[in-house]
Amino acid sequence: MAVNEDEQRIRFGTCKRNPERLIGSADALKKSADRFLAVHPKFKGWSSEYVAIAPDIGESVRAALQERDVLPQSLVDLTAGL
């Protein structure tokens, strides 16, 4: 989880070594985020983002995650520009 207080944005993430498992974890990620938000009213009205992270994510998995409104990020994506 990451919080951007200035923009009132909260990001929830899931990380798997096997990118194929990210698709199945997308629903669980959103349910966990809903439970978190239900007990932390401070974040009511903030925008929520969902991210799925794996070492490398192929195009078919990326597409499936994006259909579920989950941003796919490989470790290559996250470390680009470092």
PDB file of N, CA and C in Angstrom:
ATOM      1  N   MET A   1       0.841  -1.160   0.000  1.00  0.00           N
ATOM      2  CA  MET A   1       0.000   0.000   0.000  1.00  0.00           C
ATOM      3  C   MET A   1       0.893   1.232   0.000  1.00  0.00           C
ATOM      4  N   ALA A   2       0.486   2.236  -0.756  1.00  0.00           N
ATOM      5  CA  ALA A   2       1.188   3.515  -0.801  1.00  0.00           C
ATOM      6  C   ALA A   2       0.150   4.630  -0.729  1.00  0.00           C
ATOM      7  N   VAL A   3       0.507   5.696  -0.034  1.00  0.00           N
ATOM      8  CA  VAL A   3      -0.409   6.806   0.177  1.00  0.00           C
ATOM      9  C   VAL A   3       0.224   8.099  -0.347  1.00  0.00           C
ATOM     10  N   ASN A   4      -0.541   8.847  -1.131  1.00  0.00           N
ATOM     11  CA  ASN A   4      -0.123  10.163  -1.578  1.00  0.00           C
ATOM     12  C   ASN A   4      -1.094  11.160  -0.966  1.00  0.00           C
ATOM     13  N   GLU A   5      -0.684  11.754   0.158  1.00  0.00           N
ATOM     14  CA  GLU A   5      -1.569  12.661   0.886  1.00  0.00           C
ATOM     15  C   GLU A   5      -1.898  13.909   0.077  1.00  0.00           C
ATOM     16  N   ASP A   6      -0.913  14.444  -0.654  1.00  0.00           N
ATOM     17  CA  ASP A   6      -1.127  15.669  -1.421  1.00  0.00           C
ATOM     18  C   ASP A   6      -2.221  15.506  -2.468  1.00  0.00           C
ATOM     19  N   GLU A   7      -2.227  14.362  -3.142  1.00  0.00           N
ATOM     20  CA  GLU A   7      -3.209  14.109  -4.188  1.00  0.00           C
ATOM     21  C   GLU A   7      -4.390  13.288  -3.699  1.00  0.00           C
ATOM     22  N   GLN A   8      -4.408  12.939  -2.415  1.00  0.00           N
ATOM     23  CA  GLN A   8      -5.450  12.098  -1.823  1.00  0.00           C
ATOM     24  C   GLN A   8      -5.692  10.858  -2.677  1.00  0.00           C
ATOM     25  N   ARG A   9      -4.601  10.136  -2.863  1.00  0.00           N
ATOM     26  CA  ARG A   9      -4.628   8.918  -3.667  1.00  0.00           C
ATOM     27  C   ARG A   9      -3.989   7.797  -2.861  1.00  0.00           C
ATOM     28  N   ILE A  10      -4.609   6.632  -2.900  1.00  0.00           N
ATOM     29  CA  ILE A  10      -4.086   5.463  -2.198  1.00  0.00           C
ATOM     30  C   ILE A  10      -3.934   4.328  -3.215  1.00  0.00           C
ATOM     31  N   ARG A  11      -2.807   3.645  -3.131  1.00  0.00           N
ATOM     32  CA  ARG A  11      -2.501   2.575  -4.094  1.00  0.00           C
ATOM     33  C   ARG A  11      -2.334   1.270  -3.337  1.00  0.00           C
ATOM     34  N   PHE A  12      -3.055   0.265  -3.804  1.00  0.00           N
ATOM     35  CA  PHE A  12      -2.976  -1.072  -3.227  1.00  0.00           C
ATOM     36  C   PHE A  12      -2.287  -1.981  -4.232  1.00  0.00           C
ATOM     37  N   GLY A  13      -1.441  -2.866  -3.750  1.00  0.00           N
ATOM     38  CA  GLY A  13      -0.711  -3.716  -4.671  1.00  0.00           C
ATOM     39  C   GLY A  13      -0.643  -5.161  -4.233  1.00  0.00           C
ATOM     40  N   THR A  14      -0.427  -5.995  -5.231  1.00  0.00           N
ATOM     41  CA  THR A  14      -0.169  -7.412  -5.008  1.00  0.00           C
ATOM     42  C   THR A  14       1.083  -7.756  -5.794  1.00  0.00           C
ATOM     43  N   CYS A  15       1.866  -8.675  -5.271  1.00  0.00           N
ATOM     44  CA  CYS A  15       3.119  -9.050  -5.904  1.00  0.00           C
ATOM     45  C   CYS A  15       3.219 -10.571  -5.947  1.00  0.00           C
ATOM     46  N   LYS A  16       3.542 -11.093  -7.107  1.00  0.00           N
ATOM     47  CA  LYS A  16       3.683 -12.541  -7.299  1.00  0.00           C
ATOM     48  C   LYS A  16       4.937 -12.811  -8.112  1.00  0.00           C
ATOM     49  N   ARG A  17       5.613 -13.883  -7.792  1.00  0.00           N
ATOM     50  CA  ARG A  17       6.766 -14.293  -8.611  1.00  0.00           C
ATOM     51  C   ARG A  17       6.300 -14.794  -9.972  1.00  0.00           C
ATOM     52  N   ASN A  18       5.183 -15.516  -9.973  1.00  0.00           N
ATOM     53  CA  ASN A  18       4.617 -16.066 -11.196  1.00  0.00           C
ATOM     54  C   ASN A  18       3.537 -15.095 -11.698  1.00  0.00           C
ATOM     55  N   PRO A  19       3.776 -14.415 -12.815  1.00  0.00           N
ATOM     56  CA  PRO A  19       2.807 -13.419 -13.281  1.00  0.00           C
ATOM     57  C   PRO A  19       1.428 -13.996 -13.601  1.00  0.00           C
ATOM     58  N   GLU A  20       1.353 -15.273 -13.934  1.00  0.00           N
ATOM     59  CA  GLU A  20       0.059 -15.899 -14.221  1.00  0.00           C
ATOM     60  C   GLU A  20      -0.862 -15.861 -13.001  1.00  0.00           C
ATOM     61  N   ARG A  21      -0.285 -15.832 -11.822  1.00  0.00           N
ATOM     62  CA  ARG A  21      -1.093 -15.813 -10.587  1.00  0.00           C
ATOM     63  C   ARG A  21      -1.656 -14.422 -10.271  1.00  0.00           C
ATOM     64  N   LEU A  22      -1.174 -13.405 -10.961  1.00  0.00           N
ATOM     65  CA  LEU A  22      -1.666 -12.046 -10.705  1.00  0.00           C
ATOM     66  C   LEU A  22      -3.138 -11.899 -11.065  1.00  0.00           C
ATOM     67  N   ILE A  23      -3.552 -12.546 -12.134  1.00  0.00           N
ATOM     68  CA  ILE A  23      -4.945 -12.419 -12.587  1.00  0.00           C
ATOM     69  C   ILE A  23      -5.898 -12.891 -11.492  1.00  0.00           C
ATOM     70  N   GLY A  24      -5.605 -14.040 -10.916  1.00  0.00           N
ATOM     71  CA  GLY A  24      -6.457 -14.578  -9.855  1.00  0.00           C
ATOM     72  C   GLY A  24      -6.409 -13.774  -8.568  1.00  0.00           C
ATOM     73  N   SER A  25      -5.346 -13.028  -8.366  1.00  0.00           N
ATOM     74  CA  SER A  25      -5.228 -12.260  -7.125  1.00  0.00           C
ATOM     75  C   SER A  25      -5.863 -10.869  -7.237  1.00  0.00           C
ATOM     76  N   ALA A  26      -6.284 -10.475  -8.431  1.00  0.00           N
ATOM     77  CA  ALA A  26      -6.852  -9.134  -8.621  1.00  0.00           C
ATOM     78  C   ALA A  26      -8.133  -8.936  -7.804  1.00  0.00           C
ATOM     79  N   ASP A  27      -9.027  -9.907  -7.810  1.00  0.00           N
ATOM     80  CA  ASP A  27     -10.267  -9.782  -7.037  1.00  0.00           C
ATOM     81  C   ASP A  27      -9.984  -9.745  -5.541  1.00  0.00           C
ATOM     82  N   ALA A  28      -9.061 -10.583  -5.086  1.00  0.00           N
ATOM     83  CA  ALA A  28      -8.702 -10.596  -3.670  1.00  0.00           C
ATOM     84  C   ALA A  28      -8.077  -9.262  -3.264  1.00  0.00           C
ATOM     85  N   LEU A  29      -7.279  -8.674  -4.137  1.00  0.00           N
ATOM     86  CA  LEU A  29      -6.672  -7.368  -3.861  1.00  0.00           C
ATOM     87  C   LEU A  29      -7.746  -6.317  -3.641  1.00  0.00           C
ATOM     88  N   LYS A  30      -8.733  -6.299  -4.513  1.00  0.00           N
ATOM     89  CA  LYS A  30      -9.798  -5.304  -4.382  1.00  0.00           C
ATOM     90  C   LYS A  30     -10.647  -5.530  -3.133  1.00  0.00           C
ATOM     91  N   LYS A  31     -10.899  -6.786  -2.788  1.00  0.00           N
ATOM     92  CA  LYS A  31     -11.657  -7.083  -1.568  1.00  0.00           C
ATOM     93  C   LYS A  31     -10.874  -6.653  -0.336  1.00  0.00           C
ATOM     94  N   SER A  32      -9.591  -6.906  -0.326  1.00  0.00           N
ATOM     95  CA  SER A  32      -8.753  -6.481   0.801  1.00  0.00           C
ATOM     96  C   SER A  32      -8.735  -4.961   0.916  1.00  0.00           C
ATOM     97  N   ALA A  33      -8.642  -4.295  -0.210  1.00  0.00           N
ATOM     98  CA  ALA A  33      -8.661  -2.832  -0.212  1.00  0.00           C
ATOM     99  C   ALA A  33      -9.993  -2.311   0.329  1.00  0.00           C
ATOM    100  N   ASP A  34     -11.089  -2.931  -0.068  1.00  0.00           N
ATOM    101  CA  ASP A  34     -12.409  -2.526   0.427  1.00  0.00           C
ATOM    102  C   ASP A  34     -12.497  -2.679   1.939  1.00  0.00           C
ATOM    103  N   ARG A  35     -11.960  -3.794   2.465  1.00  0.00           N
ATOM    104  CA  ARG A  35     -11.972  -3.999   3.916  1.00  0.00           C
ATOM    105  C   ARG A  35     -11.123  -2.939   4.620  1.00  0.00           C
ATOM    106  N   PHE A  36      -9.961  -2.643   4.064  1.00  0.00           N
ATOM    107  CA  PHE A  36      -9.096  -1.611   4.641  1.00  0.00           C
ATOM    108  C   PHE A  36      -9.817  -0.264   4.675  1.00  0.00           C
ATOM    109  N   LEU A  37     -10.410   0.108   3.548  1.00  0.00           N
ATOM    110  CA  LEU A  37     -11.087   1.400   3.458  1.00  0.00           C
ATOM    111  C   LEU A  37     -12.293   1.482   4.393  1.00  0.00           C
ATOM    112  N   ALA A  38     -12.945   0.367   4.628  1.00  0.00           N
ATOM    113  CA  ALA A  38     -14.117   0.349   5.515  1.00  0.00           C
ATOM    114  C   ALA A  38     -13.741   0.676   6.956  1.00  0.00           C
ATOM    115  N   VAL A  39     -12.535   0.326   7.366  1.00  0.00           N
ATOM    116  CA  VAL A  39     -12.130   0.578   8.756  1.00  0.00           C
ATOM    117  C   VAL A  39     -11.211   1.797   8.903  1.00  0.00           C
ATOM    118  N   HIS A  40     -10.906   2.456   7.800  1.00  0.00           N
ATOM    119  CA  HIS A  40     -10.085   3.666   7.837  1.00  0.00           C
ATOM    120  C   HIS A  40     -10.826   4.803   7.123  1.00  0.00           C
ATOM    121  N   PRO A  41     -11.766   5.423   7.800  1.00  0.00           N
ATOM    122  CA  PRO A  41     -12.591   6.455   7.167  1.00  0.00           C
ATOM    123  C   PRO A  41     -11.798   7.670   6.685  1.00  0.00           C
ATOM    124  N   LYS A  42     -10.568   7.832   7.156  1.00  0.00           N
ATOM    125  CA  LYS A  42      -9.727   8.943   6.704  1.00  0.00           C
ATOM    126  C   LYS A  42      -9.611   8.961   5.179  1.00  0.00           C
ATOM    127  N   PHE A  43      -9.641   7.788   4.569  1.00  0.00           N
ATOM    128  CA  PHE A  43      -9.417   7.673   3.133  1.00  0.00           C
ATOM    129  C   PHE A  43     -10.704   7.712   2.301  1.00  0.00           C
ATOM    130  N   LYS A  44     -11.833   7.948   2.959  1.00  0.00           N
ATOM    131  CA  LYS A  44     -13.102   8.038   2.237  1.00  0.00           C
ATOM    132  C   LYS A  44     -13.034   9.215   1.262  1.00  0.00           C
ATOM    133  N   GLY A  45     -13.400   8.969   0.034  1.00  0.00           N
ATOM    134  CA  GLY A  45     -13.371  10.008  -0.982  1.00  0.00           C
ATOM    135  C   GLY A  45     -12.053  10.104  -1.737  1.00  0.00           C
ATOM    136  N   TRP A  46     -11.030   9.403  -1.262  1.00  0.00           N
ATOM    137  CA  TRP A  46      -9.753   9.396  -1.975  1.00  0.00           C
ATOM    138  C   TRP A  46      -9.873   8.500  -3.206  1.00  0.00           C
ATOM    139  N   SER A  47      -9.028   8.738  -4.198  1.00  0.00           N
ATOM    140  CA  SER A  47      -9.009   7.836  -5.349  1.00  0.00           C
ATOM    141  C   SER A  47      -8.143   6.623  -5.012  1.00  0.00           C
ATOM    142  N   SER A  48      -8.595   5.466  -5.440  1.00  0.00           N
ATOM    143  CA  SER A  48      -7.888   4.214  -5.197  1.00  0.00           C
ATOM    144  C   SER A  48      -7.322   3.684  -6.502  1.00  0.00           C
ATOM    145  N   GLU A  49      -6.116   3.143  -6.410  1.00  0.00           N
ATOM    146  CA  GLU A  49      -5.476   2.505  -7.555  1.00  0.00           C
ATOM    147  C   GLU A  49      -5.068   1.100  -7.144  1.00  0.00           C
ATOM    148  N   TYR A  50      -5.054   0.211  -8.109  1.00  0.00           N
ATOM    149  CA  TYR A  50      -4.689  -1.180  -7.864  1.00  0.00           C
ATOM    150  C   TYR A  50      -3.544  -1.546  -8.802  1.00  0.00           C
ATOM    151  N   VAL A  51      -2.512  -2.172  -8.240  1.00  0.00           N
ATOM    152  CA  VAL A  51      -1.309  -2.498  -8.999  1.00  0.00           C
ATOM    153  C   VAL A  51      -0.964  -3.964  -8.786  1.00  0.00           C
ATOM    154  N   ALA A  52      -0.552  -4.626  -9.869  1.00  0.00           N
ATOM    155  CA  ALA A  52      -0.097  -6.017  -9.808  1.00  0.00           C
ATOM    156  C   ALA A  52       1.359  -6.053 -10.282  1.00  0.00           C
ATOM    157  N   ILE A  53       2.237  -6.604  -9.457  1.00  0.00           N
ATOM    158  CA  ILE A  53       3.677  -6.574  -9.715  1.00  0.00           C
ATOM    159  C   ILE A  53       4.217  -7.994  -9.826  1.00  0.00           C
ATOM    160  N   ALA A  54       5.081  -8.200 -10.823  1.00  0.00           N
ATOM    161  CA  ALA A  54       5.781  -9.473 -11.011  1.00  0.00           C
ATOM    162  C   ALA A  54       7.107  -9.174 -11.700  1.00  0.00           C
ATOM    163  N   PRO A  55       8.049 -10.126 -11.666  1.00  0.00           N
ATOM    164  CA  PRO A  55       9.332  -9.874 -12.324  1.00  0.00           C
ATOM    165  C   PRO A  55       9.180  -9.489 -13.798  1.00  0.00           C
ATOM    166  N   ASP A  56       8.327 -10.181 -14.517  1.00  0.00           N
ATOM    167  CA  ASP A  56       8.085  -9.901 -15.927  1.00  0.00           C
ATOM    168  C   ASP A  56       6.632 -10.250 -16.214  1.00  0.00           C
ATOM    169  N   ILE A  57       5.935  -9.389 -16.933  1.00  0.00           N
ATOM    170  CA  ILE A  57       4.514  -9.613 -17.198  1.00  0.00           C
ATOM    171  C   ILE A  57       4.288  -9.592 -18.704  1.00  0.00           C
ATOM    172  N   GLY A  58       3.812 -10.708 -19.238  1.00  0.00           N
ATOM    173  CA  GLY A  58       3.538 -10.816 -20.668  1.00  0.00           C
ATOM    174  C   GLY A  58       2.307 -10.038 -21.079  1.00  0.00           C
ATOM    175  N   GLU A  59       2.159  -9.861 -22.377  1.00  0.00           N
ATOM    176  CA  GLU A  59       1.065  -9.053 -22.918  1.00  0.00           C
ATOM    177  C   GLU A  59      -0.320  -9.602 -22.578  1.00  0.00           C
ATOM    178  N   SER A  60      -0.502 -10.914 -22.583  1.00  0.00           N
ATOM    179  CA  SER A  60      -1.834 -11.466 -22.298  1.00  0.00           C
ATOM    180  C   SER A  60      -2.220 -11.223 -20.836  1.00  0.00           C
ATOM    181  N   VAL A  61      -1.265 -11.364 -19.939  1.00  0.00           N
ATOM    182  CA  VAL A  61      -1.537 -11.099 -18.517  1.00  0.00           C
ATOM    183  C   VAL A  61      -1.778  -9.604 -18.312  1.00  0.00           C
ATOM    184  N   ARG A  62      -0.974  -8.767 -18.968  1.00  0.00           N
ATOM    185  CA  ARG A  62      -1.176  -7.310 -18.877  1.00  0.00           C
ATOM    186  C   ARG A  62      -2.600  -6.940 -19.302  1.00  0.00           C
ATOM    187  N   ALA A  63      -3.037  -7.492 -20.422  1.00  0.00           N
ATOM    188  CA  ALA A  63      -4.372  -7.184 -20.939  1.00  0.00           C
ATOM    189  C   ALA A  63      -5.454  -7.635 -19.956  1.00  0.00           C
ATOM    190  N   ALA A  64      -5.290  -8.827 -19.395  1.00  0.00           N
ATOM    191  CA  ALA A  64      -6.287  -9.351 -18.447  1.00  0.00           C
ATOM    192  C   ALA A  64      -6.358  -8.483 -17.191  1.00  0.00           C
ATOM    193  N   LEU A  65      -5.224  -8.007 -16.728  1.00  0.00           N
ATOM    194  CA  LEU A  65      -5.209  -7.144 -15.543  1.00  0.00           C
ATOM    195  C   LEU A  65      -5.849  -5.791 -15.855  1.00  0.00           C
ATOM    196  N   GLN A  66      -5.523  -5.237 -16.995  1.00  0.00           N
ATOM    197  CA  GLN A  66      -6.093  -3.944 -17.373  1.00  0.00           C
ATOM    198  C   GLN A  66      -7.603  -4.027 -17.533  1.00  0.00           C
ATOM    199  N   GLU A  67      -8.113  -5.165 -17.995  1.00  0.00           N
ATOM    200  CA  GLU A  67      -9.570  -5.361 -18.089  1.00  0.00           C
ATOM    201  C   GLU A  67     -10.210  -5.307 -16.707  1.00  0.00           C
ATOM    202  N   ARG A  68      -9.448  -5.648 -15.684  1.00  0.00           N
ATOM    203  CA  ARG A  68      -9.937  -5.637 -14.297  1.00  0.00           C
ATOM    204  C   ARG A  68      -9.593  -4.326 -13.578  1.00  0.00           C
ATOM    205  N   ASP A  69      -9.144  -3.327 -14.333  1.00  0.00           N
ATOM    206  CA  ASP A  69      -8.743  -2.026 -13.779  1.00  0.00           C
ATOM    207  C   ASP A  69      -7.601  -2.148 -12.774  1.00  0.00           C
ATOM    208  N   VAL A  70      -6.668  -3.034 -13.092  1.00  0.00           N
ATOM    209  CA  VAL A  70      -5.464  -3.218 -12.279  1.00  0.00           C
ATOM    210  C   VAL A  70      -4.270  -2.898 -13.169  1.00  0.00           C
ATOM    211  N   LEU A  71      -3.385  -2.031 -12.685  1.00  0.00           N
ATOM    212  CA  LEU A  71      -2.212  -1.625 -13.437  1.00  0.00           C
ATOM    213  C   LEU A  71      -1.117  -2.679 -13.316  1.00  0.00           C
ATOM    214  N   PRO A  72      -0.688  -3.272 -14.434  1.00  0.00           N
ATOM    215  CA  PRO A  72       0.403  -4.238 -14.381  1.00  0.00           C
ATOM    216  C   PRO A  72       1.745  -3.511 -14.359  1.00  0.00           C
ATOM    217  N   GLN A  73       2.632  -3.932 -13.454  1.00  0.00           N
ATOM    218  CA  GLN A  73       3.974  -3.354 -13.402  1.00  0.00           C
ATOM    219  C   GLN A  73       4.983  -4.471 -13.194  1.00  0.00           C
ATOM    220  N   SER A  74       5.878  -4.614 -14.167  1.00  0.00           N
ATOM    221  CA  SER A  74       6.961  -5.580 -13.994  1.00  0.00           C
ATOM    222  C   SER A  74       8.083  -4.894 -13.223  1.00  0.00           C
ATOM    223  N   LEU A  75       9.015  -5.694 -12.751  1.00  0.00           N
ATOM    224  CA  LEU A  75      10.173  -5.100 -12.066  1.00  0.00           C
ATOM    225  C   LEU A  75      10.963  -4.223 -13.023  1.00  0.00           C
ATOM    226  N   VAL A  76      10.948  -4.556 -14.298  1.00  0.00           N
ATOM    227  CA  VAL A  76      11.600  -3.720 -15.308  1.00  0.00           C
ATOM    228  C   VAL A  76      10.902  -2.360 -15.365  1.00  0.00           C
ATOM    229  N   ASP A  77       9.564  -2.359 -15.353  1.00  0.00           N
ATOM    230  CA  ASP A  77       8.802  -1.091 -15.354  1.00  0.00           C
ATOM    231  C   ASP A  77       9.165  -0.236 -14.132  1.00  0.00           C
ATOM    232  N   LEU A  78       9.229  -0.888 -12.992  1.00  0.00           N
ATOM    233  CA  LEU A  78       9.465  -0.172 -11.733  1.00  0.00           C
ATOM    234  C   LEU A  78      10.880   0.378 -11.592  1.00  0.00           C
ATOM    235  N   THR A  79      11.842  -0.272 -12.242  1.00  0.00           N
ATOM    236  CA  THR A  79      13.230   0.153 -12.095  1.00  0.00           C
ATOM    237  C   THR A  79      13.738   0.951 -13.296  1.00  0.00           C
ATOM    238  N   ALA A  80      12.891   1.189 -14.269  1.00  0.00           N
ATOM    239  CA  ALA A  80      13.295   1.971 -15.446  1.00  0.00           C
ATOM    240  C   ALA A  80      13.697   3.378 -14.997  1.00  0.00           C
ATOM    241  N   GLY A  81      14.805   3.825 -15.501  1.00  0.00           N
ATOM    242  CA  GLY A  81      15.248   5.178 -15.179  1.00  0.00           C
ATOM    243  C   GLY A  81      16.053   5.296 -13.902  1.00  0.00           C
ATOM    244  N   LEU A  82      16.323   4.173 -13.251  1.00  0.00           N
ATOM    245  CA  LEU A  82      17.140   4.253 -12.028  1.00  0.00           C
ATOM    246  C   LEU A  82      18.605   4.284 -12.351  1.00  0.00           C
TER     247      LEU A  82
END
